[in-house]
Amino acid sequence: MRSYELMVIHRYDMAEPDVRSAVAEIEKAITDRDGSIKESDFWGKRRFAYEIDHMHEGYYSVIVFDGDVELQDTIHRSLSLLDSVVRHKIIRKAA
């Protein structure tokens, strides 16, 4: 298993409880596919360094998890399709 760090930015116009439940759904998707969550950190609403799709802020969260390459691909595909996700980035952590 490899270790990954996932950063997700959700839309600013969502309610904070909705964003937290969306992050919990991402964590559940990881554990349902034989991954394990090492750390989850909700940063809250932050201002962007530059405008993205006419937005100036969003809700940031970071999830560190272990999983295989197929899990990382599945998470990437799923997050790419969600309208509530402004941006996401998955980085493989060094061993």
PDB file of N, CA and C in Angstrom:
ATOM      1  N   MET A   1       0.836  -1.195   0.000  1.00  0.00           N
ATOM      2  CA  MET A   1       0.000   0.000   0.000  1.00  0.00           C
ATOM      3  C   MET A   1       0.874   1.249   0.000  1.00  0.00           C
ATOM      4  N   ARG A   2       0.381   2.239  -0.679  1.00  0.00           N
ATOM      5  CA  ARG A   2       1.086   3.510  -0.746  1.00  0.00           C
ATOM      6  C   ARG A   2       0.377   4.539   0.118  1.00  0.00           C
ATOM      7  N   SER A   3       1.109   5.542   0.512  1.00  0.00           N
ATOM      8  CA  SER A   3       0.545   6.615   1.319  1.00  0.00           C
ATOM      9  C   SER A   3       0.293   7.834   0.427  1.00  0.00           C
ATOM     10  N   TYR A   4      -0.905   8.420   0.555  1.00  0.00           N
ATOM     11  CA  TYR A   4      -1.307   9.563  -0.260  1.00  0.00           C
ATOM     12  C   TYR A   4      -1.823  10.696   0.626  1.00  0.00           C
ATOM     13  N   GLU A   5      -1.714  11.899   0.106  1.00  0.00           N
ATOM     14  CA  GLU A   5      -2.306  13.068   0.748  1.00  0.00           C
ATOM     15  C   GLU A   5      -3.281  13.680  -0.253  1.00  0.00           C
ATOM     16  N   LEU A   6      -4.512  13.858   0.168  1.00  0.00           N
ATOM     17  CA  LEU A   6      -5.569  14.396  -0.679  1.00  0.00           C
ATOM     18  C   LEU A   6      -6.015  15.744  -0.132  1.00  0.00           C
ATOM     19  N   MET A   7      -5.938  16.775  -0.958  1.00  0.00           N
ATOM     20  CA  MET A   7      -6.480  18.075  -0.575  1.00  0.00           C
ATOM     21  C   MET A   7      -7.700  18.342  -1.444  1.00  0.00           C
ATOM     22  N   VAL A   8      -8.797  18.729  -0.796  1.00  0.00           N
ATOM     23  CA  VAL A   8     -10.048  18.999  -1.499  1.00  0.00           C
ATOM     24  C   VAL A   8     -10.510  20.405  -1.139  1.00  0.00           C
ATOM     25  N   ILE A   9     -10.964  21.139  -2.152  1.00  0.00           N
ATOM     26  CA  ILE A   9     -11.562  22.455  -1.928  1.00  0.00           C
ATOM     27  C   ILE A   9     -13.018  22.369  -2.376  1.00  0.00           C
ATOM     28  N   HIS A  10     -13.922  22.570  -1.422  1.00  0.00           N
ATOM     29  CA  HIS A  10     -15.357  22.585  -1.717  1.00  0.00           C
ATOM     30  C   HIS A  10     -15.831  24.023  -1.940  1.00  0.00           C
ATOM     31  N   ARG A  11     -16.954  24.162  -2.598  1.00  0.00           N
ATOM     32  CA  ARG A  11     -17.520  25.472  -2.931  1.00  0.00           C
ATOM     33  C   ARG A  11     -17.800  26.287  -1.671  1.00  0.00           C
ATOM     34  N   TYR A  12     -17.621  27.601  -1.788  1.00  0.00           N
ATOM     35  CA  TYR A  12     -17.805  28.519  -0.669  1.00  0.00           C
ATOM     36  C   TYR A  12     -19.269  28.666  -0.259  1.00  0.00           C
ATOM     37  N   ASP A  13     -20.201  28.418  -1.170  1.00  0.00           N
ATOM     38  CA  ASP A  13     -21.616  28.655  -0.882  1.00  0.00           C
ATOM     39  C   ASP A  13     -22.307  27.461  -0.215  1.00  0.00           C
ATOM     40  N   MET A  14     -21.553  26.431   0.104  1.00  0.00           N
ATOM     41  CA  MET A  14     -22.106  25.297   0.846  1.00  0.00           C
ATOM     42  C   MET A  14     -22.095  25.625   2.338  1.00  0.00           C
ATOM     43  N   ALA A  15     -23.008  25.031   3.076  1.00  0.00           N
ATOM     44  CA  ALA A  15     -23.004  25.184   4.533  1.00  0.00           C
ATOM     45  C   ALA A  15     -21.893  24.293   5.104  1.00  0.00           C
ATOM     46  N   GLU A  16     -21.271  24.756   6.184  1.00  0.00           N
ATOM     47  CA  GLU A  16     -20.155  24.007   6.766  1.00  0.00           C
ATOM     48  C   GLU A  16     -20.534  22.578   7.155  1.00  0.00           C
ATOM     49  N   PRO A  17     -21.713  22.337   7.755  1.00  0.00           N
ATOM     50  CA  PRO A  17     -22.073  20.935   8.059  1.00  0.00           C
ATOM     51  C   PRO A  17     -22.172  20.063   6.795  1.00  0.00           C
ATOM     52  N   ASP A  18     -22.619  20.649   5.684  1.00  0.00           N
ATOM     53  CA  ASP A  18     -22.688  19.898   4.430  1.00  0.00           C
ATOM     54  C   ASP A  18     -21.291  19.545   3.923  1.00  0.00           C
ATOM     55  N   VAL A  19     -20.365  20.461   4.085  1.00  0.00           N
ATOM     56  CA  VAL A  19     -18.989  20.208   3.656  1.00  0.00           C
ATOM     57  C   VAL A  19     -18.375  19.115   4.519  1.00  0.00           C
ATOM     58  N   ARG A  20     -18.605  19.193   5.827  1.00  0.00           N
ATOM     59  CA  ARG A  20     -18.063  18.165   6.725  1.00  0.00           C
ATOM     60  C   ARG A  20     -18.635  16.787   6.396  1.00  0.00           C
ATOM     61  N   SER A  21     -19.916  16.712   6.049  1.00  0.00           N
ATOM     62  CA  SER A  21     -20.505  15.419   5.682  1.00  0.00           C
ATOM     63  C   SER A  21     -19.955  14.943   4.333  1.00  0.00           C
ATOM     64  N   ALA A  22     -19.652  15.860   3.416  1.00  0.00           N
ATOM     65  CA  ALA A  22     -19.042  15.483   2.137  1.00  0.00           C
ATOM     66  C   ALA A  22     -17.641  14.907   2.367  1.00  0.00           C
ATOM     67  N   VAL A  23     -16.888  15.492   3.287  1.00  0.00           N
ATOM     68  CA  VAL A  23     -15.559  14.976   3.627  1.00  0.00           C
ATOM     69  C   VAL A  23     -15.691  13.594   4.269  1.00  0.00           C
ATOM     70  N   ALA A  24     -16.688  13.418   5.116  1.00  0.00           N
ATOM     71  CA  ALA A  24     -16.928  12.109   5.736  1.00  0.00           C
ATOM     72  C   ALA A  24     -17.281  11.064   4.676  1.00  0.00           C
ATOM     73  N   GLU A  25     -18.004  11.457   3.635  1.00  0.00           N
ATOM     74  CA  GLU A  25     -18.328  10.535   2.546  1.00  0.00           C
ATOM     75  C   GLU A  25     -17.069  10.131   1.775  1.00  0.00           C
ATOM     76  N   ILE A  26     -16.160  11.068   1.584  1.00  0.00           N
ATOM     77  CA  ILE A  26     -14.888  10.745   0.918  1.00  0.00           C
ATOM     78  C   ILE A  26     -14.105   9.744   1.766  1.00  0.00           C
ATOM     79  N   GLU A  27     -14.051   9.986   3.077  1.00  0.00           N
ATOM     80  CA  GLU A  27     -13.355   9.066   3.978  1.00  0.00           C
ATOM     81  C   GLU A  27     -13.992   7.681   3.947  1.00  0.00           C
ATOM     82  N   LYS A  28     -15.325   7.629   3.913  1.00  0.00           N
ATOM     83  CA  LYS A  28     -16.028   6.352   3.857  1.00  0.00           C
ATOM     84  C   LYS A  28     -15.726   5.626   2.554  1.00  0.00           C
ATOM     85  N   ALA A  29     -15.661   6.374   1.449  1.00  0.00           N
ATOM     86  CA  ALA A  29     -15.336   5.761   0.156  1.00  0.00           C
ATOM     87  C   ALA A  29     -13.938   5.149   0.184  1.00  0.00           C
ATOM     88  N   ILE A  30     -13.016   5.808   0.871  1.00  0.00           N
ATOM     89  CA  ILE A  30     -11.655   5.282   0.978  1.00  0.00           C
ATOM     90  C   ILE A  30     -11.641   3.992   1.798  1.00  0.00           C
ATOM     91  N   THR A  31     -12.299   4.004   2.948  1.00  0.00           N
ATOM     92  CA  THR A  31     -12.284   2.811   3.804  1.00  0.00           C
ATOM     93  C   THR A  31     -13.097   1.668   3.202  1.00  0.00           C
ATOM     94  N   ASP A  32     -14.153   1.969   2.436  1.00  0.00           N
ATOM     95  CA  ASP A  32     -14.944   0.920   1.783  1.00  0.00           C
ATOM     96  C   ASP A  32     -14.148   0.188   0.709  1.00  0.00           C
ATOM     97  N   ARG A  33     -13.135   0.831   0.173  1.00  0.00           N
ATOM     98  CA  ARG A  33     -12.308   0.230  -0.878  1.00  0.00           C
ATOM     99  C   ARG A  33     -10.957  -0.233  -0.321  1.00  0.00           C
ATOM    100  N   ASP A  34     -10.956  -0.677   0.925  1.00  0.00           N
ATOM    101  CA  ASP A  34      -9.794  -1.268   1.598  1.00  0.00           C
ATOM    102  C   ASP A  34      -8.648  -0.291   1.830  1.00  0.00           C
ATOM    103  N   GLY A  35      -8.941   1.007   1.858  1.00  0.00           N
ATOM    104  CA  GLY A  35      -7.942   1.994   2.235  1.00  0.00           C
ATOM    105  C   GLY A  35      -8.037   2.267   3.722  1.00  0.00           C
ATOM    106  N   SER A  36      -7.061   2.973   4.254  1.00  0.00           N
ATOM    107  CA  SER A  36      -7.120   3.330   5.669  1.00  0.00           C
ATOM    108  C   SER A  36      -6.777   4.812   5.816  1.00  0.00           C
ATOM    109  N   ILE A  37      -7.566   5.490   6.631  1.00  0.00           N
ATOM    110  CA  ILE A  37      -7.375   6.912   6.892  1.00  0.00           C
ATOM    111  C   ILE A  37      -6.332   7.056   8.000  1.00  0.00           C
ATOM    112  N   LYS A  38      -5.277   7.802   7.723  1.00  0.00           N
ATOM    113  CA  LYS A  38      -4.260   8.049   8.740  1.00  0.00           C
ATOM    114  C   LYS A  38      -4.533   9.354   9.474  1.00  0.00           C
ATOM    115  N   GLU A  39      -5.031  10.351   8.731  1.00  0.00           N
ATOM    116  CA  GLU A  39      -5.249  11.665   9.322  1.00  0.00           C
ATOM    117  C   GLU A  39      -6.265  12.413   8.472  1.00  0.00           C
ATOM    118  N   SER A  40      -7.107  13.207   9.127  1.00  0.00           N
ATOM    119  CA  SER A  40      -8.071  14.042   8.422  1.00  0.00           C
ATOM    120  C   SER A  40      -8.101  15.402   9.103  1.00  0.00           C
ATOM    121  N   ASP A  41      -7.953  16.447   8.317  1.00  0.00           N
ATOM    122  CA  ASP A  41      -7.861  17.797   8.862  1.00  0.00           C
ATOM    123  C   ASP A  41      -8.777  18.719   8.065  1.00  0.00           C
ATOM    124  N   PHE A  42      -9.744  19.329   8.731  1.00  0.00           N
ATOM    125  CA  PHE A  42     -10.665  20.268   8.096  1.00  0.00           C
ATOM    126  C   PHE A  42     -10.174  21.683   8.400  1.00  0.00           C
ATOM    127  N   TRP A  43      -9.769  22.424   7.369  1.00  0.00           N
ATOM    128  CA  TRP A  43      -9.201  23.750   7.563  1.00  0.00           C
ATOM    129  C   TRP A  43     -10.260  24.840   7.618  1.00  0.00           C
ATOM    130  N   GLY A  44     -11.449  24.568   7.106  1.00  0.00           N
ATOM    131  CA  GLY A  44     -12.499  25.577   7.088  1.00  0.00           C
ATOM    132  C   GLY A  44     -12.416  26.452   5.842  1.00  0.00           C
ATOM    133  N   LYS A  45     -13.111  27.588   5.898  1.00  0.00           N
ATOM    134  CA  LYS A  45     -13.175  28.482   4.743  1.00  0.00           C
ATOM    135  C   LYS A  45     -11.916  29.340   4.682  1.00  0.00           C
ATOM    136  N   ARG A  46     -11.270  29.330   3.516  1.00  0.00           N
ATOM    137  CA  ARG A  46     -10.046  30.101   3.290  1.00  0.00           C
ATOM    138  C   ARG A  46     -10.173  30.881   1.990  1.00  0.00           C
ATOM    139  N   ARG A  47      -9.464  31.976   1.925  1.00  0.00           N
ATOM    140  CA  ARG A  47      -9.431  32.803   0.723  1.00  0.00           C
ATOM    141  C   ARG A  47      -8.399  32.239  -0.252  1.00  0.00           C
ATOM    142  N   PHE A  48      -8.750  32.232  -1.553  1.00  0.00           N
ATOM    143  CA  PHE A  48      -7.837  31.757  -2.586  1.00  0.00           C
ATOM    144  C   PHE A  48      -6.755  32.784  -2.864  1.00  0.00           C
ATOM    145  N   ALA A  49      -5.625  32.322  -3.336  1.00  0.00           N
ATOM    146  CA  ALA A  49      -4.551  33.221  -3.756  1.00  0.00           C
ATOM    147  C   ALA A  49      -4.923  33.897  -5.081  1.00  0.00           C
ATOM    148  N   TYR A  50      -5.756  33.223  -5.863  1.00  0.00           N
ATOM    149  CA  TYR A  50      -6.222  33.778  -7.137  1.00  0.00           C
ATOM    150  C   TYR A  50      -7.640  33.272  -7.388  1.00  0.00           C
ATOM    151  N   GLU A  51      -8.361  33.924  -8.260  1.00  0.00           N
ATOM    152  CA  GLU A  51      -9.754  33.582  -8.541  1.00  0.00           C
ATOM    153  C   GLU A  51      -9.838  32.267  -9.314  1.00  0.00           C
ATOM    154  N   ILE A  52     -10.759  31.404  -8.882  1.00  0.00           N
ATOM    155  CA  ILE A  52     -11.020  30.139  -9.569  1.00  0.00           C
ATOM    156  C   ILE A  52     -12.504  30.102  -9.914  1.00  0.00           C
ATOM    157  N   ASP A  53     -12.835  30.055 -11.188  1.00  0.00           N
ATOM    158  CA  ASP A  53     -14.231  29.993 -11.643  1.00  0.00           C
ATOM    159  C   ASP A  53     -15.093  31.078 -10.992  1.00  0.00           C
ATOM    160  N   HIS A  54     -14.592  32.284 -10.944  1.00  0.00           N
ATOM    161  CA  HIS A  54     -15.280  33.455 -10.375  1.00  0.00           C
ATOM    162  C   HIS A  54     -15.533  33.323  -8.871  1.00  0.00           C
ATOM    163  N   MET A  55     -14.750  32.500  -8.198  1.00  0.00           N
ATOM    164  CA  MET A  55     -14.853  32.334  -6.746  1.00  0.00           C
ATOM    165  C   MET A  55     -13.565  32.835  -6.102  1.00  0.00           C
ATOM    166  N   HIS A  56     -13.699  33.364  -4.895  1.00  0.00           N
ATOM    167  CA  HIS A  56     -12.544  33.905  -4.179  1.00  0.00           C
ATOM    168  C   HIS A  56     -12.209  33.128  -2.912  1.00  0.00           C
ATOM    169  N   GLU A  57     -13.079  32.176  -2.508  1.00  0.00           N
ATOM    170  CA  GLU A  57     -12.823  31.396  -1.302  1.00  0.00           C
ATOM    171  C   GLU A  57     -13.500  30.041  -1.394  1.00  0.00           C
ATOM    172  N   GLY A  58     -13.084  29.132  -0.518  1.00  0.00           N
ATOM    173  CA  GLY A  58     -13.645  27.795  -0.486  1.00  0.00           C
ATOM    174  C   GLY A  58     -13.267  27.095   0.807  1.00  0.00           C
ATOM    175  N   TYR A  59     -13.873  25.931   1.028  1.00  0.00           N
ATOM    176  CA  TYR A  59     -13.605  25.127   2.220  1.00  0.00           C
ATOM    177  C   TYR A  59     -12.500  24.114   1.900  1.00  0.00           C
ATOM    178  N   TYR A  60     -11.422  24.166   2.659  1.00  0.00           N
ATOM    179  CA  TYR A  60     -10.285  23.280   2.460  1.00  0.00           C
ATOM    180  C   TYR A  60     -10.334  22.117   3.439  1.00  0.00           C
ATOM    181  N   SER A  61      -9.940  20.941   2.963  1.00  0.00           N
ATOM    182  CA  SER A  61      -9.753  19.789   3.841  1.00  0.00           C
ATOM    183  C   SER A  61      -8.614  18.933   3.296  1.00  0.00           C
ATOM    184  N   VAL A  62      -7.898  18.284   4.207  1.00  0.00           N
ATOM    185  CA  VAL A  62      -6.769  17.428   3.842  1.00  0.00           C
ATOM    186  C   VAL A  62      -6.978  16.063   4.481  1.00  0.00           C
ATOM    187  N   ILE A  63      -6.828  15.016   3.670  1.00  0.00           N
ATOM    188  CA  ILE A  63      -6.972  13.647   4.149  1.00  0.00           C
ATOM    189  C   ILE A  63      -5.707  12.892   3.774  1.00  0.00           C
ATOM    190  N   VAL A  64      -5.069  12.276   4.752  1.00  0.00           N
ATOM    191  CA  VAL A  64      -3.903  11.414   4.511  1.00  0.00           C
ATOM    192  C   VAL A  64      -4.399   9.975   4.637  1.00  0.00           C
ATOM    193  N   PHE A  65      -4.145   9.175   3.591  1.00  0.00           N
ATOM    194  CA  PHE A  65      -4.654   7.806   3.594  1.00  0.00           C
ATOM    195  C   PHE A  65      -3.663   6.861   2.931  1.00  0.00           C
ATOM    196  N   ASP A  66      -3.824   5.579   3.245  1.00  0.00           N
ATOM    197  CA  ASP A  66      -3.061   4.511   2.605  1.00  0.00           C
ATOM    198  C   ASP A  66      -3.999   3.744   1.695  1.00  0.00           C
ATOM    199  N   GLY A  67      -3.494   3.362   0.536  1.00  0.00           N
ATOM    200  CA  GLY A  67      -4.306   2.597  -0.401  1.00  0.00           C
ATOM    201  C   GLY A  67      -3.488   2.209  -1.613  1.00  0.00           C
ATOM    202  N   ASP A  68      -4.112   1.461  -2.513  1.00  0.00           N
ATOM    203  CA  ASP A  68      -3.411   1.069  -3.728  1.00  0.00           C
ATOM    204  C   ASP A  68      -3.681   2.081  -4.843  1.00  0.00           C
ATOM    205  N   VAL A  69      -3.054   1.860  -5.978  1.00  0.00           N
ATOM    206  CA  VAL A  69      -3.149   2.798  -7.097  1.00  0.00           C
ATOM    207  C   VAL A  69      -4.582   2.866  -7.634  1.00  0.00           C
ATOM    208  N   GLU A  70      -5.279   1.742  -7.647  1.00  0.00           N
ATOM    209  CA  GLU A  70      -6.658   1.720  -8.142  1.00  0.00           C
ATOM    210  C   GLU A  70      -7.566   2.593  -7.270  1.00  0.00           C
ATOM    211  N   LEU A  71      -7.340   2.586  -5.965  1.00  0.00           N
ATOM    212  CA  LEU A  71      -8.113   3.434  -5.053  1.00  0.00           C
ATOM    213  C   LEU A  71      -7.863   4.904  -5.362  1.00  0.00           C
ATOM    214  N   GLN A  72      -6.619   5.268  -5.569  1.00  0.00           N
ATOM    215  CA  GLN A  72      -6.278   6.653  -5.886  1.00  0.00           C
ATOM    216  C   GLN A  72      -6.947   7.074  -7.193  1.00  0.00           C
ATOM    217  N   ASP A  73      -6.937   6.215  -8.196  1.00  0.00           N
ATOM    218  CA  ASP A  73      -7.588   6.521  -9.472  1.00  0.00           C
ATOM    219  C   ASP A  73      -9.096   6.679  -9.312  1.00  0.00           C
ATOM    220  N   THR A  74      -9.705   5.813  -8.513  1.00  0.00           N
ATOM    221  CA  THR A  74     -11.149   5.870  -8.284  1.00  0.00           C
ATOM    222  C   THR A  74     -11.545   7.165  -7.571  1.00  0.00           C
ATOM    223  N   ILE A  75     -10.798   7.534  -6.538  1.00  0.00           N
ATOM    224  CA  ILE A  75     -11.073   8.775  -5.806  1.00  0.00           C
ATOM    225  C   ILE A  75     -10.920   9.977  -6.734  1.00  0.00           C
ATOM    226  N   HIS A  76      -9.871   9.987  -7.537  1.00  0.00           N
ATOM    227  CA  HIS A  76      -9.643  11.088  -8.477  1.00  0.00           C
ATOM    228  C   HIS A  76     -10.808  11.214  -9.457  1.00  0.00           C
ATOM    229  N   ARG A  77     -11.241  10.105 -10.027  1.00  0.00           N
ATOM    230  CA  ARG A  77     -12.360  10.113 -10.981  1.00  0.00           C
ATOM    231  C   ARG A  77     -13.639  10.606 -10.322  1.00  0.00           C
ATOM    232  N   SER A  78     -13.918  10.141  -9.123  1.00  0.00           N
ATOM    233  CA  SER A  78     -15.148  10.525  -8.415  1.00  0.00           C
ATOM    234  C   SER A  78     -15.164  12.010  -8.078  1.00  0.00           C
ATOM    235  N   LEU A  79     -14.058  12.529  -7.574  1.00  0.00           N
ATOM    236  CA  LEU A  79     -14.000  13.943  -7.202  1.00  0.00           C
ATOM    237  C   LEU A  79     -14.047  14.845  -8.429  1.00  0.00           C
ATOM    238  N   SER A  80     -13.542  14.379  -9.564  1.00  0.00           N
ATOM    239  CA  SER A  80     -13.580  15.173 -10.790  1.00  0.00           C
ATOM    240  C   SER A  80     -15.012  15.393 -11.273  1.00  0.00           C
ATOM    241  N   LEU A  81     -15.905  14.479 -10.934  1.00  0.00           N
ATOM    242  CA  LEU A  81     -17.288  14.566 -11.396  1.00  0.00           C
ATOM    243  C   LEU A  81     -18.197  15.382 -10.485  1.00  0.00           C
ATOM    244  N   LEU A  82     -17.773  15.663  -9.264  1.00  0.00           N
ATOM    245  CA  LEU A  82     -18.617  16.361  -8.305  1.00  0.00           C
ATOM    246  C   LEU A  82     -18.626  17.867  -8.562  1.00  0.00           C
ATOM    247  N   ASP A  83     -19.821  18.451  -8.633  1.00  0.00           N
ATOM    248  CA  ASP A  83     -19.946  19.898  -8.811  1.00  0.00           C
ATOM    249  C   ASP A  83     -19.579  20.660  -7.545  1.00  0.00           C
ATOM    250  N   SER A  84     -19.676  20.027  -6.392  1.00  0.00           N
ATOM    251  CA  SER A  84     -19.383  20.708  -5.131  1.00  0.00           C
ATOM    252  C   SER A  84     -17.880  20.860  -4.890  1.00  0.00           C
ATOM    253  N   VAL A  85     -17.054  20.146  -5.647  1.00  0.00           N
ATOM    254  CA  VAL A  85     -15.601  20.207  -5.488  1.00  0.00           C
ATOM    255  C   VAL A  85     -15.030  21.178  -6.520  1.00  0.00           C
ATOM    256  N   VAL A  86     -14.388  22.238  -6.014  1.00  0.00           N
ATOM    257  CA  VAL A  86     -13.768  23.232  -6.893  1.00  0.00           C
ATOM    258  C   VAL A  86     -12.461  22.673  -7.454  1.00  0.00           C
ATOM    259  N   ARG A  87     -11.603  22.159  -6.587  1.00  0.00           N
ATOM    260  CA  ARG A  87     -10.318  21.581  -6.959  1.00  0.00           C
ATOM    261  C   ARG A  87      -9.995  20.441  -5.997  1.00  0.00           C
ATOM    262  N   HIS A  88      -9.193  19.509  -6.474  1.00  0.00           N
ATOM    263  CA  HIS A  88      -8.643  18.475  -5.609  1.00  0.00           C
ATOM    264  C   HIS A  88      -7.276  18.083  -6.128  1.00  0.00           C
ATOM    265  N   LYS A  89      -6.448  17.601  -5.248  1.00  0.00           N
ATOM    266  CA  LYS A  89      -5.089  17.193  -5.616  1.00  0.00           C
ATOM    267  C   LYS A  89      -4.708  16.001  -4.755  1.00  0.00           C
ATOM    268  N   ILE A  90      -4.221  14.939  -5.394  1.00  0.00           N
ATOM    269  CA  ILE A  90      -3.746  13.758  -4.679  1.00  0.00           C
ATOM    270  C   ILE A  90      -2.245  13.674  -4.905  1.00  0.00           C
ATOM    271  N   ILE A  91      -1.497  13.594  -3.815  1.00  0.00           N
ATOM    272  CA  ILE A  91      -0.047  13.538  -3.877  1.00  0.00           C
ATOM    273  C   ILE A  91       0.419  12.256  -3.182  1.00  0.00           C
ATOM    274  N   ARG A  92       1.318  11.528  -3.823  1.00  0.00           N
ATOM    275  CA  ARG A  92       1.908  10.359  -3.187  1.00  0.00           C
ATOM    276  C   ARG A  92       2.984  10.825  -2.226  1.00  0.00           C
ATOM    277  N   LYS A  93       2.851  10.433  -0.974  1.00  0.00           N
ATOM    278  CA  LYS A  93       3.823  10.835   0.040  1.00  0.00           C
ATOM    279  C   LYS A  93       5.065   9.964  -0.061  1.00  0.00           C
ATOM    280  N   ALA A  94       6.195  10.552   0.279  1.00  0.00           N
ATOM    281  CA  ALA A  94       7.465   9.818   0.256  1.00  0.00           C
ATOM    282  C   ALA A  94       7.472   8.751   1.339  1.00  0.00           C
ATOM    283  N   ALA A  95       8.131   7.669   1.069  1.00  0.00           N
ATOM    284  CA  ALA A  95       8.167   6.552   2.012  1.00  0.00           C
ATOM    285  C   ALA A  95       9.027   6.805   3.176  1.00  0.00           C
TER     286      ALA A  95
END
